[in-house]
Amino acid sequence: MSKQLYVNASIFTADTRAWADALLVRDDRILYVGDEATARRLGADAQIVDLGGRLVLPGFVDGHAHVIGTGEALGQADLSGADDLDEIRARLSRWHRKHPEAPRILAMGWPHGAIPGGQPHRAMLDEQFPDIPVYAIAYDYHSIWLNTAALNEVGITAETADPLGGKFHRDADGQATGFVDETAFHGIVGPFLDELVDASTSASNLDRVQAAYRQTGVTTSCDMGFNEADLESFLAADRAGRLTSRLKAYWRINNTGDREQNLAQVARAVELSESVSSPFLEVVGIKVIIDGTVDGCTAVLGAPYADGSNADPIWPLDDLAPVVAAADDAGLKVAMHAIGDEAVRIAISSVEHGIRVNGARARRHRIEHLEVVDRADVERLASLGITPSMQPVHVDPLNAPFWRSQLGDVRADQGFPWPWMTEAGARLAFGTDSPTAPHPPLPNMYMATTRKSPSAPELAPNVAEFSIPLAEAVVHGSSDSAWTCGAEDEIGRLRAGLYADFIVLDTNIFESPVDDLLTTSVLMTVLGGQVVHQAER
């Protein structure tokens, strides 16, 4: 039995008693958090750790992430924030020069606004990369851009049919442009790329993101797209003792258009929820993607986009309702990607269907993103106990102009309305949606409390009146995210009986200027009482 007593610290608990000055840990759990005198009486035989007056927070719980994808992206060409096509091509060339042995160029993060008309074309890459396949994923993770060599490698031709809920964009003559979105990406190109990844590479990707989490203070993540390949990688890492953060996984359910096949996917998730459970890995629910993104004009809106177009849902209510009811009946938590206001209404209606079918029971269903939402629907979801799960990083003013141009000013001025959620009585969870955005939580907190861009803070805030106080943002990114995946008695707060998952910062972010969030470092990360990261002082 080991005991550590952490003293000389400002401890923010994210709990009902928000502040403490001592933390007593026994083995992997918190034995006491509160005043130092009591802690010393309870821990007379404990090892004393003097934190030098530093700030302690609960380890962040990323409420929405794609964990293996984040590890992959950390090893790919980074196109995030690129201003134009020339910069995109320059970054791809730099990555290729650094990795001359790579058989293909893999990239992540190009913004739609950097591409003329928001429509990438294979020819834009072919001149510079005529022979090596290029696969560049958009920053929203809903589209991918291929050059001709990549199209040929995957086998996409003029005859390749669009899948349900996805599209291979085509020239006027019917040839594939190389722009692939939604289920055409996730169901065809993505699995092709996954097949190229061997167990060693997958392990390296997972190790890479674990290291990144340790250094930035993420002790738990909620994976919103877990699949068989991810499961295999995590199980191997868990058995080998290589995991230094916890995972709450939501199993990805794809709409096949066939009810029985859809329900069979739910049955697999139920099986895993009953068989996969360790302190580091648990399957807690399912994830469905009802619509796409505003930037790609694939989010489903109640009124058309500024150009008069609109999109059809990937999961119409008739397809979604029985899936939600089956998951609800099995006690699974349902997470539903819904960016457009009409998609949000589909999500809410599917939960109402589950309630009608299954009756009264404990539920923790959630809607992801809610970028465009009607205030009446916020009241509706709150009354049903649905958790809005949102990502402050998505308000970055660098990406706002193109997003705004797709919607028009009236809707854009009501985008990402976090205060509406809590004012309606809903519990709000925060995450990053990495790798669609950077994974570090402190810049995420900066955007929550300022609505400004971490990389260009001189830009005007994106709808400043929707910013929230920093302490509330931290709670949404820890305690509330833990609650929504059913882990409030394990993680997310600093309270006796919970896992000793916490971080120590080099700056008291509650007493410093808000811009210090962008330069604050994590000095120590503790997971289950074990120090998994300690920076050189």
Protein backbone atom coordinates (compact mmCIF):
# COMPACT_ATOMS: atom_id res chain seq x y z
CA MET A 1 0.00 0.00 0.00
CA SER A 2 1.40 3.40 -0.97
CA LYS A 3 0.34 6.84 0.18
CA GLN A 4 1.25 10.26 -1.15
CA LEU A 5 0.20 13.55 0.41
CA TYR A 6 0.28 16.50 -1.97
CA VAL A 7 0.53 19.82 -0.12
CA ASN A 8 1.33 23.48 -0.72
CA ALA A 9 -1.04 23.68 -3.67
CA SER A 10 -4.20 25.37 -4.91
CA ILE A 11 -6.45 22.45 -5.77
CA PHE A 12 -9.49 23.00 -8.00
CA THR A 13 -11.69 19.96 -7.52
CA ALA A 14 -14.43 20.59 -10.15
CA ASP A 15 -16.78 19.37 -7.40
CA THR A 16 -19.31 20.93 -5.03
CA ARG A 17 -16.46 21.96 -2.70
CA ALA A 18 -14.48 23.65 -5.42
CA TRP A 19 -11.19 24.32 -3.64
CA ALA A 20 -8.81 22.46 -1.34
CA ASP A 21 -5.20 22.78 -0.27
CA ALA A 22 -4.19 19.14 0.23
CA LEU A 23 -4.74 15.85 -1.60
CA LEU A 24 -4.12 12.43 -0.05
CA VAL A 25 -3.72 9.44 -2.37
CA ARG A 26 -3.67 5.78 -1.37
CA ASP A 27 -2.72 3.37 -4.16
CA ASP A 28 -4.80 4.42 -7.21
CA ARG A 29 -7.57 6.31 -5.37
CA ILE A 30 -8.05 9.61 -3.62
CA LEU A 31 -8.35 9.04 0.12
CA TYR A 32 -9.02 12.65 1.08
CA VAL A 33 -9.12 16.12 -0.47
CA GLY A 34 -9.56 19.18 1.70
CA ASP A 35 -7.60 21.03 4.37
CA GLU A 36 -3.97 20.17 5.06
CA ALA A 37 -4.35 19.56 8.78
CA THR A 38 -6.93 16.81 8.27
CA ALA A 39 -4.92 15.37 5.38
CA ARG A 40 -1.81 15.12 7.58
CA ARG A 41 -3.75 13.33 10.34
CA LEU A 42 -5.15 10.82 7.85
CA GLY A 43 -1.84 10.42 6.08
CA ALA A 44 0.66 10.47 8.89
CA ASP A 45 2.64 7.73 7.16
CA ALA A 46 2.35 9.21 3.63
CA GLN A 47 5.12 10.44 1.40
CA ILE A 48 4.94 14.24 1.35
CA VAL A 49 4.97 15.91 -2.08
CA ASP A 50 5.38 19.70 -1.90
CA LEU A 51 3.94 21.26 -5.06
CA GLY A 52 5.39 24.69 -4.45
CA GLY A 53 2.10 26.57 -4.55
CA ARG A 54 1.13 25.23 -7.98
CA LEU A 55 -2.39 24.79 -9.34
CA VAL A 56 -3.86 21.28 -9.40
CA LEU A 57 -6.77 20.34 -11.67
CA PRO A 58 -8.59 17.08 -12.31
CA GLY A 59 -7.15 15.37 -15.36
CA PHE A 60 -9.02 16.57 -18.41
CA VAL A 61 -11.66 14.26 -19.87
CA ASP A 62 -11.81 14.91 -23.59
CA GLY A 63 -15.51 14.50 -24.20
CA HIS A 64 -15.14 13.89 -27.94
CA ALA A 65 -12.02 12.56 -29.63
CA HIS A 66 -10.83 10.10 -32.24
CA VAL A 67 -7.87 8.69 -30.39
CA ILE A 68 -6.11 6.44 -32.91
CA GLY A 69 -6.80 9.06 -35.59
CA THR A 70 -5.12 11.66 -33.39
CA GLY A 71 -2.03 9.49 -33.13
CA GLU A 72 -2.03 9.00 -36.90
CA ALA A 73 -2.42 12.73 -37.55
CA LEU A 74 0.50 13.57 -35.27
CA GLY A 75 2.71 11.66 -37.72
CA GLN A 76 1.23 13.14 -40.91
CA ALA A 77 1.67 16.37 -42.82
CA ASP A 78 -0.11 19.11 -40.87
CA LEU A 79 -2.25 21.31 -43.13
CA SER A 80 -4.22 23.04 -40.36
CA GLY A 81 -4.47 26.79 -40.73
CA ALA A 82 -3.08 26.81 -44.28
CA ASP A 83 -4.12 30.05 -45.98
CA ASP A 84 -4.24 28.91 -49.59
CA LEU A 85 -3.49 26.17 -52.08
CA ASP A 86 0.16 27.17 -52.45
CA GLU A 87 0.74 26.77 -48.73
CA ILE A 88 -0.97 23.39 -48.74
CA ARG A 89 1.28 22.17 -51.55
CA ALA A 90 4.36 23.60 -49.84
CA ARG A 91 3.59 21.74 -46.60
CA LEU A 92 2.99 18.50 -48.48
CA SER A 93 6.35 18.91 -50.25
CA ARG A 94 8.16 19.57 -46.97
CA TRP A 95 6.69 16.44 -45.41
CA HIS A 96 7.61 14.40 -48.49
CA ARG A 97 11.22 15.62 -48.35
CA LYS A 98 11.43 14.65 -44.67
CA HIS A 99 9.95 11.19 -45.39
CA PRO A 100 11.38 10.20 -48.78
CA GLU A 101 10.89 6.52 -48.03
CA ALA A 102 7.13 6.87 -47.45
CA PRO A 103 5.11 5.10 -50.18
CA ARG A 104 2.35 7.71 -49.99
CA ILE A 105 1.80 11.21 -48.59
CA LEU A 106 -0.69 11.31 -45.74
CA ALA A 107 -1.96 14.68 -44.52
CA MET A 108 -4.54 16.10 -42.15
CA GLY A 109 -6.30 19.39 -41.58
CA TRP A 110 -6.79 21.41 -44.78
CA PRO A 111 -9.50 24.06 -44.36
CA HIS A 112 -12.19 24.34 -47.02
CA GLY A 113 -11.68 28.09 -47.19
CA ALA A 114 -8.11 27.58 -48.45
CA ILE A 115 -9.36 25.85 -51.62
CA PRO A 116 -10.84 27.88 -54.49
CA GLY A 117 -14.61 27.47 -54.15
CA GLY A 118 -14.06 25.00 -51.31
CA GLN A 119 -13.86 22.21 -53.92
CA PRO A 120 -10.47 20.44 -54.13
CA HIS A 121 -9.51 18.70 -57.37
CA ARG A 122 -6.98 16.00 -58.18
CA ALA A 123 -5.30 18.31 -60.73
CA MET A 124 -4.34 20.70 -57.93
CA LEU A 125 -2.05 17.94 -56.59
CA ASP A 126 -1.11 16.04 -59.75
CA GLU A 127 1.31 18.62 -61.14
CA GLN A 128 3.47 18.50 -58.04
CA PHE A 129 2.84 14.85 -57.14
CA PRO A 130 2.27 12.92 -60.38
CA ASP A 131 3.40 9.51 -59.14
CA ILE A 132 3.13 9.21 -55.35
CA PRO A 133 -0.40 8.82 -53.94
CA VAL A 134 -1.60 11.78 -51.82
CA TYR A 135 -4.37 11.40 -49.24
CA ALA A 136 -5.25 14.69 -47.52
CA ILE A 137 -8.04 14.68 -44.92
CA ALA A 138 -10.01 17.90 -44.38
CA TYR A 139 -9.92 19.54 -40.98
CA ASP A 140 -13.52 18.45 -40.30
CA TYR A 141 -12.58 14.76 -40.80
CA HIS A 142 -15.58 14.33 -43.09
CA SER A 143 -13.83 14.74 -46.45
CA ILE A 144 -10.63 13.54 -48.07
CA TRP A 145 -8.77 14.80 -51.14
CA LEU A 146 -6.95 12.37 -53.43
CA ASN A 147 -4.67 12.92 -56.38
CA THR A 148 -4.86 10.74 -59.47
CA ALA A 149 -2.29 8.26 -58.15
CA ALA A 150 -4.37 7.79 -55.01
CA LEU A 151 -7.62 7.40 -56.96
CA ASN A 152 -5.95 4.69 -59.00
CA GLU A 153 -4.57 3.00 -55.90
CA VAL A 154 -8.00 2.81 -54.25
CA GLY A 155 -9.67 1.87 -57.54
CA ILE A 156 -12.06 4.81 -57.78
CA THR A 157 -13.23 5.33 -61.36
CA ALA A 158 -16.05 7.05 -63.23
CA GLU A 159 -18.09 3.88 -62.67
CA THR A 160 -17.66 3.80 -58.87
CA ALA A 161 -21.09 4.29 -57.34
CA ASP A 162 -21.75 6.73 -54.52
CA PRO A 163 -22.58 4.90 -51.27
CA LEU A 164 -25.57 5.73 -49.11
CA GLY A 165 -24.80 9.02 -47.37
CA GLY A 166 -21.59 9.79 -49.28
CA LYS A 167 -20.26 11.15 -52.56
CA PHE A 168 -17.40 10.88 -55.00
CA HIS A 169 -17.42 14.35 -56.55
CA ARG A 170 -17.15 14.31 -60.34
CA ASP A 171 -16.15 16.54 -63.24
CA ALA A 172 -18.60 17.61 -65.89
CA ASP A 173 -17.47 14.58 -67.90
CA GLY A 174 -18.20 12.23 -64.97
CA GLN A 175 -14.60 11.61 -63.88
CA ALA A 176 -13.80 11.55 -60.16
CA THR A 177 -12.31 14.87 -59.03
CA GLY A 178 -10.54 13.33 -56.04
CA PHE A 179 -12.84 15.08 -53.56
CA VAL A 180 -14.56 12.39 -51.47
CA ASP A 181 -16.92 13.06 -48.59
CA GLU A 182 -18.89 11.45 -45.78
CA THR A 183 -19.53 7.69 -46.13
CA ALA A 184 -17.57 7.52 -49.38
CA PHE A 185 -14.58 8.57 -47.28
CA HIS A 186 -15.40 6.73 -44.05
CA GLY A 187 -16.75 3.60 -45.72
CA ILE A 188 -14.43 3.15 -48.72
CA VAL A 189 -11.26 5.26 -48.72
CA GLY A 190 -10.79 5.13 -44.94
CA PRO A 191 -11.00 1.32 -44.70
CA PHE A 192 -8.60 1.02 -47.66
CA LEU A 193 -6.05 3.09 -45.75
CA ASP A 194 -6.73 1.16 -42.55
CA GLU A 195 -5.81 -2.08 -44.32
CA LEU A 196 -2.37 -0.65 -45.04
CA VAL A 197 -1.66 -0.17 -41.32
CA ASP A 198 0.05 -3.13 -39.66
CA ALA A 199 -0.05 -3.90 -35.94
CA SER A 200 3.32 -2.27 -35.31
CA THR A 201 2.28 1.00 -36.96
CA SER A 202 -1.02 1.00 -35.12
CA ALA A 203 0.81 0.48 -31.82
CA SER A 204 3.13 3.37 -32.65
CA ASN A 205 0.16 5.62 -33.42
CA LEU A 206 -1.43 4.73 -30.09
CA ASP A 207 1.83 5.26 -28.21
CA ARG A 208 2.22 8.64 -29.91
CA VAL A 209 -1.16 9.91 -28.75
CA GLN A 210 -0.64 8.51 -25.25
CA ALA A 211 2.57 10.53 -24.99
CA ALA A 212 0.77 13.63 -26.25
CA TYR A 213 -2.00 13.16 -23.69
CA ARG A 214 0.48 12.75 -20.83
CA GLN A 215 2.24 15.98 -21.75
CA THR A 216 -0.96 18.03 -22.11
CA GLY A 217 -2.98 16.72 -19.16
CA VAL A 218 -5.59 14.46 -20.80
CA THR A 219 -6.20 11.51 -18.50
CA THR A 220 -9.39 10.18 -20.14
CA SER A 221 -10.86 10.47 -23.61
CA CYS A 222 -14.24 9.55 -25.05
CA ASP A 223 -13.62 7.96 -28.44
CA MET A 224 -16.37 8.80 -30.91
CA GLY A 225 -15.85 6.27 -33.67
CA PHE A 226 -14.41 3.13 -32.12
CA ASN A 227 -14.11 0.15 -34.46
CA GLU A 228 -12.62 -3.34 -34.63
CA ALA A 229 -9.12 -2.12 -35.57
CA ASP A 230 -9.13 0.39 -32.72
CA LEU A 231 -10.34 -2.28 -30.33
CA GLU A 232 -7.53 -4.65 -31.29
CA SER A 233 -4.90 -1.94 -30.77
CA PHE A 234 -6.28 -0.87 -27.39
CA LEU A 235 -6.68 -4.41 -26.10
CA ALA A 236 -3.06 -5.17 -26.98
CA ALA A 237 -1.85 -1.98 -25.30
CA ASP A 238 -3.98 -2.63 -22.21
CA ARG A 239 -2.62 -6.16 -21.87
CA ALA A 240 0.93 -4.84 -22.23
CA GLY A 241 0.38 -2.08 -19.65
CA ARG A 242 1.12 0.66 -22.21
CA LEU A 243 -1.96 2.81 -21.63
CA THR A 244 -1.39 6.02 -19.68
CA SER A 245 -4.86 7.43 -20.18
CA ARG A 246 -8.32 5.92 -19.88
CA LEU A 247 -10.74 5.37 -22.76
CA LYS A 248 -14.53 5.43 -22.80
CA ALA A 249 -15.43 4.13 -26.24
CA TYR A 250 -18.52 4.69 -28.37
CA TRP A 251 -18.89 2.01 -31.04
CA ARG A 252 -19.39 3.40 -34.55
CA ILE A 253 -22.67 2.31 -36.18
CA ASN A 254 -22.91 2.86 -39.95
CA ASN A 255 -26.22 3.15 -41.77
CA THR A 256 -26.36 0.30 -44.26
CA GLY A 257 -29.94 1.03 -45.28
CA ASP A 258 -30.89 -2.39 -43.91
CA ARG A 259 -32.56 -2.47 -40.50
CA GLU A 260 -31.32 -5.92 -39.53
CA GLN A 261 -27.73 -5.11 -40.45
CA ASN A 262 -27.94 -1.89 -38.47
CA LEU A 263 -29.30 -3.71 -35.42
CA ALA A 264 -26.59 -6.36 -35.76
CA GLN A 265 -24.02 -3.59 -35.28
CA VAL A 266 -25.82 -2.53 -32.09
CA ALA A 267 -25.73 -6.15 -30.90
CA ARG A 268 -21.95 -6.15 -31.36
CA ALA A 269 -21.70 -3.00 -29.26
CA VAL A 270 -23.80 -4.65 -26.52
CA GLU A 271 -21.50 -7.68 -26.58
CA LEU A 272 -18.43 -5.47 -26.20
CA SER A 273 -19.98 -3.39 -23.43
CA GLU A 274 -20.38 -6.61 -21.46
CA SER A 275 -16.98 -8.13 -22.24
CA VAL A 276 -14.55 -5.19 -22.53
CA SER A 277 -14.06 -3.46 -19.22
CA SER A 278 -10.86 -2.54 -17.42
CA PRO A 279 -9.76 0.57 -15.52
CA PHE A 280 -8.28 1.80 -18.81
CA LEU A 281 -10.74 0.61 -21.46
CA GLU A 282 -14.52 0.39 -21.57
CA VAL A 283 -17.13 0.34 -24.34
CA VAL A 284 -19.99 2.47 -23.03
CA GLY A 285 -22.20 3.23 -26.01
CA ILE A 286 -22.68 3.72 -29.73
CA LYS A 287 -21.99 6.60 -32.11
CA VAL A 288 -23.99 7.52 -35.21
CA ILE A 289 -23.32 10.32 -37.68
CA ILE A 290 -26.63 11.87 -38.72
CA ASP A 291 -25.21 14.56 -41.00
CA GLY A 292 -21.98 16.09 -42.23
CA THR A 293 -20.44 19.55 -41.81
CA VAL A 294 -21.29 23.15 -42.58
CA ASP A 295 -18.02 23.68 -44.47
CA GLY A 296 -18.81 20.79 -46.79
CA CYS A 297 -22.51 21.77 -47.10
CA THR A 298 -23.39 18.29 -45.83
CA ALA A 299 -24.85 19.32 -42.47
CA VAL A 300 -28.64 19.02 -42.62
CA LEU A 301 -30.33 22.39 -42.15
CA GLY A 302 -33.94 23.41 -41.65
CA ALA A 303 -33.47 26.13 -44.28
CA PRO A 304 -31.06 26.00 -47.24
CA TYR A 305 -27.46 27.15 -47.27
CA ALA A 306 -26.60 30.60 -48.56
CA ASP A 307 -26.18 29.14 -52.07
CA GLY A 308 -29.67 27.56 -51.97
CA SER A 309 -28.48 23.97 -51.51
CA ASN A 310 -29.15 21.56 -48.67
CA ALA A 311 -28.20 18.01 -47.70
CA ASP A 312 -30.00 14.79 -46.90
CA PRO A 313 -29.36 13.06 -43.59
CA ILE A 314 -27.06 10.06 -43.46
CA TRP A 315 -29.44 8.66 -40.86
CA PRO A 316 -33.08 9.57 -41.62
CA LEU A 317 -35.32 9.24 -38.58
CA ASP A 318 -36.95 6.04 -39.86
CA ASP A 319 -33.55 4.36 -39.98
CA LEU A 320 -32.21 5.89 -36.77
CA ALA A 321 -35.16 5.40 -34.42
CA PRO A 322 -34.97 1.58 -34.17
CA VAL A 323 -31.20 1.73 -33.63
CA VAL A 324 -31.55 4.23 -30.79
CA ALA A 325 -34.39 2.21 -29.26
CA ALA A 326 -32.33 -1.00 -29.35
CA ALA A 327 -29.29 0.66 -27.80
CA ASP A 328 -31.44 2.38 -25.19
CA ASP A 329 -33.11 -0.91 -24.28
CA ALA A 330 -29.67 -2.50 -23.80
CA GLY A 331 -28.52 0.30 -21.50
CA LEU A 332 -26.01 1.73 -23.98
CA LYS A 333 -25.38 5.44 -24.21
CA VAL A 334 -26.09 6.90 -27.65
CA ALA A 335 -23.93 9.68 -29.10
CA MET A 336 -25.30 11.35 -32.25
CA HIS A 337 -23.30 13.64 -34.51
CA ALA A 338 -25.71 16.43 -35.48
CA ILE A 339 -24.28 19.73 -36.71
CA GLY A 340 -27.27 21.18 -38.54
CA ASP A 341 -30.50 22.19 -36.84
CA GLU A 342 -32.58 19.65 -38.76
CA ALA A 343 -30.14 16.89 -37.80
CA VAL A 344 -30.48 17.97 -34.16
CA ARG A 345 -34.24 17.55 -34.45
CA ILE A 346 -33.77 14.05 -35.90
CA ALA A 347 -31.53 13.17 -32.94
CA ILE A 348 -34.02 14.46 -30.38
CA SER A 349 -36.91 12.66 -32.06
CA SER A 350 -34.99 9.38 -32.02
CA VAL A 351 -34.53 9.67 -28.24
CA GLU A 352 -38.24 10.42 -27.84
CA HIS A 353 -38.91 7.22 -29.80
CA GLY A 354 -36.66 5.24 -27.44
CA ILE A 355 -38.52 6.63 -24.43
CA ARG A 356 -41.90 5.72 -25.93
CA VAL A 357 -40.76 2.17 -26.71
CA ASN A 358 -38.74 1.39 -23.59
CA GLY A 359 -40.38 3.45 -20.87
CA ALA A 360 -38.74 5.04 -17.84
CA ARG A 361 -35.10 4.16 -17.21
CA ALA A 362 -31.75 5.83 -16.58
CA ARG A 363 -30.40 7.38 -19.78
CA ARG A 364 -27.33 9.37 -20.78
CA HIS A 365 -27.71 10.03 -24.47
CA ARG A 366 -25.91 12.91 -26.11
CA ILE A 367 -25.76 15.04 -29.24
CA GLU A 368 -22.39 15.98 -30.66
CA HIS A 369 -21.48 19.43 -32.03
CA LEU A 370 -24.84 21.32 -32.40
CA GLU A 371 -23.17 24.09 -34.37
CA VAL A 372 -26.47 25.34 -35.77
CA VAL A 373 -29.37 24.84 -33.40
CA ASP A 374 -32.76 26.40 -32.72
CA ARG A 375 -33.22 27.61 -29.16
CA ALA A 376 -36.56 25.82 -28.89
CA ASP A 377 -34.75 22.55 -29.61
CA VAL A 378 -32.23 23.31 -26.86
CA GLU A 379 -35.14 23.47 -24.41
CA ARG A 380 -36.48 20.26 -25.87
CA LEU A 381 -33.23 18.30 -25.51
CA ALA A 382 -32.66 19.62 -22.00
CA SER A 383 -36.11 18.45 -20.91
CA LEU A 384 -35.28 14.96 -22.17
CA GLY A 385 -31.96 14.84 -20.31
CA ILE A 386 -29.87 14.79 -23.49
CA THR A 387 -26.33 16.09 -23.04
CA PRO A 388 -25.01 18.57 -25.63
CA SER A 389 -21.38 17.69 -26.34
CA MET A 390 -19.53 20.61 -27.93
CA GLN A 391 -15.99 21.56 -28.87
CA PRO A 392 -14.72 25.10 -28.20
CA VAL A 393 -11.91 24.63 -30.74
CA HIS A 394 -14.48 24.67 -33.53
CA VAL A 395 -15.24 28.37 -32.97
CA ASP A 396 -11.71 29.37 -34.03
CA PRO A 397 -12.07 32.72 -35.84
CA LEU A 398 -9.49 31.54 -38.38
CA ASN A 399 -12.05 29.08 -39.75
CA ALA A 400 -15.11 31.27 -39.22
CA PRO A 401 -15.25 33.28 -42.49
CA PHE A 402 -15.88 30.28 -44.75
CA TRP A 403 -18.27 28.69 -42.22
CA ARG A 404 -20.17 32.00 -41.99
CA SER A 405 -20.33 32.36 -45.76
CA GLN A 406 -22.11 29.01 -46.03
CA LEU A 407 -24.81 29.97 -43.52
CA GLY A 408 -25.29 33.73 -43.74
CA ASP A 409 -24.90 36.16 -40.87
CA VAL A 410 -28.20 35.50 -39.08
CA ARG A 411 -27.49 31.84 -38.38
CA ALA A 412 -23.75 32.37 -37.94
CA ASP A 413 -24.40 34.92 -35.21
CA GLN A 414 -26.13 32.15 -33.23
CA GLY A 415 -23.47 29.51 -33.83
CA PHE A 416 -22.04 27.36 -31.04
CA PRO A 417 -24.34 28.82 -28.33
CA TRP A 418 -22.89 27.17 -25.23
CA PRO A 419 -24.71 29.37 -22.68
CA TRP A 420 -28.07 28.39 -24.16
CA MET A 421 -27.39 24.82 -23.10
CA THR A 422 -26.72 25.43 -19.43
CA GLU A 423 -29.43 28.12 -19.20
CA ALA A 424 -31.90 25.46 -20.35
CA GLY A 425 -30.70 23.14 -17.59
CA ALA A 426 -28.66 20.74 -19.73
CA ARG A 427 -25.30 19.39 -18.63
CA LEU A 428 -22.68 20.51 -21.18
CA ALA A 429 -19.65 18.36 -22.08
CA PHE A 430 -16.55 19.78 -23.74
CA GLY A 431 -14.02 18.02 -25.95
CA THR A 432 -11.69 18.72 -28.86
CA ASP A 433 -12.82 16.38 -31.66
CA SER A 434 -9.14 15.75 -32.30
CA PRO A 435 -7.69 15.29 -34.86
CA THR A 436 -10.15 17.68 -36.52
CA ALA A 437 -8.61 20.21 -34.14
CA PRO A 438 -5.58 20.17 -31.82
CA HIS A 439 -5.83 17.85 -28.81
CA PRO A 440 -4.32 20.06 -26.01
CA PRO A 441 -7.06 21.06 -23.55
CA LEU A 442 -5.69 24.41 -22.34
CA PRO A 443 -6.03 26.18 -25.72
CA ASN A 444 -9.52 24.64 -25.84
CA MET A 445 -10.27 26.35 -22.52
CA TYR A 446 -8.88 29.60 -23.97
CA MET A 447 -11.38 29.47 -26.83
CA ALA A 448 -14.21 28.62 -24.43
CA THR A 449 -13.59 31.71 -22.32
CA THR A 450 -12.62 34.15 -25.12
CA ARG A 451 -14.05 32.80 -28.43
CA LYS A 452 -10.69 33.90 -29.88
CA SER A 453 -8.09 32.05 -31.96
CA PRO A 454 -5.06 30.63 -30.11
CA SER A 455 -2.92 30.94 -33.24
CA ALA A 456 -4.19 34.41 -34.18
CA PRO A 457 -5.43 36.07 -30.96
CA GLU A 458 -5.45 39.45 -32.67
CA LEU A 459 -8.56 38.42 -34.65
CA ALA A 460 -11.97 39.50 -33.36
CA PRO A 461 -13.77 36.92 -31.20
CA ASN A 462 -16.28 34.66 -32.90
CA VAL A 463 -19.58 35.78 -31.28
CA ALA A 464 -18.01 36.95 -28.01
CA GLU A 465 -21.29 36.98 -26.06
CA PHE A 466 -21.31 33.16 -26.09
CA SER A 467 -18.03 32.90 -24.15
CA ILE A 468 -18.18 31.36 -20.67
CA PRO A 469 -16.17 31.73 -17.41
CA LEU A 470 -12.99 29.69 -17.21
CA ALA A 471 -14.00 27.68 -14.14
CA GLU A 472 -17.19 26.57 -15.90
CA ALA A 473 -15.20 25.59 -18.97
CA VAL A 474 -12.86 23.42 -16.89
CA VAL A 475 -15.84 21.68 -15.27
CA HIS A 476 -17.36 21.02 -18.71
CA GLY A 477 -14.01 19.56 -19.82
CA SER A 478 -13.62 17.29 -16.81
CA SER A 479 -16.54 16.58 -14.48
CA ASP A 480 -19.36 16.99 -17.00
CA SER A 481 -17.57 14.97 -19.68
CA ALA A 482 -17.06 12.18 -17.14
CA TRP A 483 -20.73 12.27 -16.17
CA THR A 484 -22.04 11.94 -19.68
CA CYS A 485 -20.19 8.64 -20.20
CA GLY A 486 -21.33 7.32 -16.81
CA ALA A 487 -17.96 7.68 -15.09
CA GLU A 488 -18.69 10.39 -12.51
CA ASP A 489 -17.88 7.99 -9.66
CA GLU A 490 -14.48 7.21 -11.17
CA ILE A 491 -13.00 10.29 -12.84
CA GLY A 492 -13.49 13.96 -13.67
CA ARG A 493 -13.40 15.39 -10.13
CA LEU A 494 -11.05 15.37 -7.19
CA ARG A 495 -13.12 13.63 -4.53
CA ALA A 496 -12.46 10.84 -2.05
CA GLY A 497 -13.02 7.43 -3.61
CA LEU A 498 -12.36 8.46 -7.20
CA TYR A 499 -9.28 7.58 -9.21
CA ALA A 500 -6.31 9.81 -8.42
CA ASP A 501 -6.17 11.35 -11.89
CA PHE A 502 -4.91 14.92 -11.74
CA ILE A 503 -2.49 17.40 -13.28
CA VAL A 504 -0.22 20.14 -11.93
CA LEU A 505 0.23 23.35 -13.95
CA ASP A 506 3.11 25.80 -13.90
CA THR A 507 0.67 28.76 -13.83
CA ASN A 508 -2.47 29.43 -11.83
CA ILE A 509 -4.75 30.00 -14.81
CA PHE A 510 -7.53 31.34 -12.58
CA GLU A 511 -5.36 34.18 -11.28
CA SER A 512 -3.38 35.00 -14.44
CA PRO A 513 -4.36 36.87 -17.62
CA VAL A 514 -6.41 34.67 -19.90
CA ASP A 515 -3.72 34.73 -22.59
CA ASP A 516 -1.51 32.73 -20.20
CA LEU A 517 -3.61 29.70 -21.10
CA LEU A 518 -1.66 29.62 -24.35
CA THR A 519 1.73 29.36 -22.64
CA THR A 520 0.87 27.35 -19.52
CA SER A 521 2.55 23.96 -19.28
CA VAL A 522 1.64 20.74 -17.51
CA LEU A 523 4.36 20.03 -14.95
CA MET A 524 2.95 16.72 -13.78
CA THR A 525 0.29 14.25 -14.86
CA VAL A 526 -0.86 11.61 -12.37
CA LEU A 527 -3.02 8.67 -13.43
CA GLY A 528 -4.34 6.33 -10.79
CA GLY A 529 -1.81 7.67 -8.30
CA GLN A 530 1.14 7.05 -10.63
CA VAL A 531 3.17 9.94 -12.06
CA VAL A 532 3.08 9.33 -15.82
CA HIS A 533 4.54 12.70 -16.83
CA GLN A 534 6.88 15.06 -15.04
CA ALA A 535 8.39 18.04 -16.81
CA GLU A 536 11.85 19.30 -16.07
CA ARG A 537 11.54 22.37 -13.88
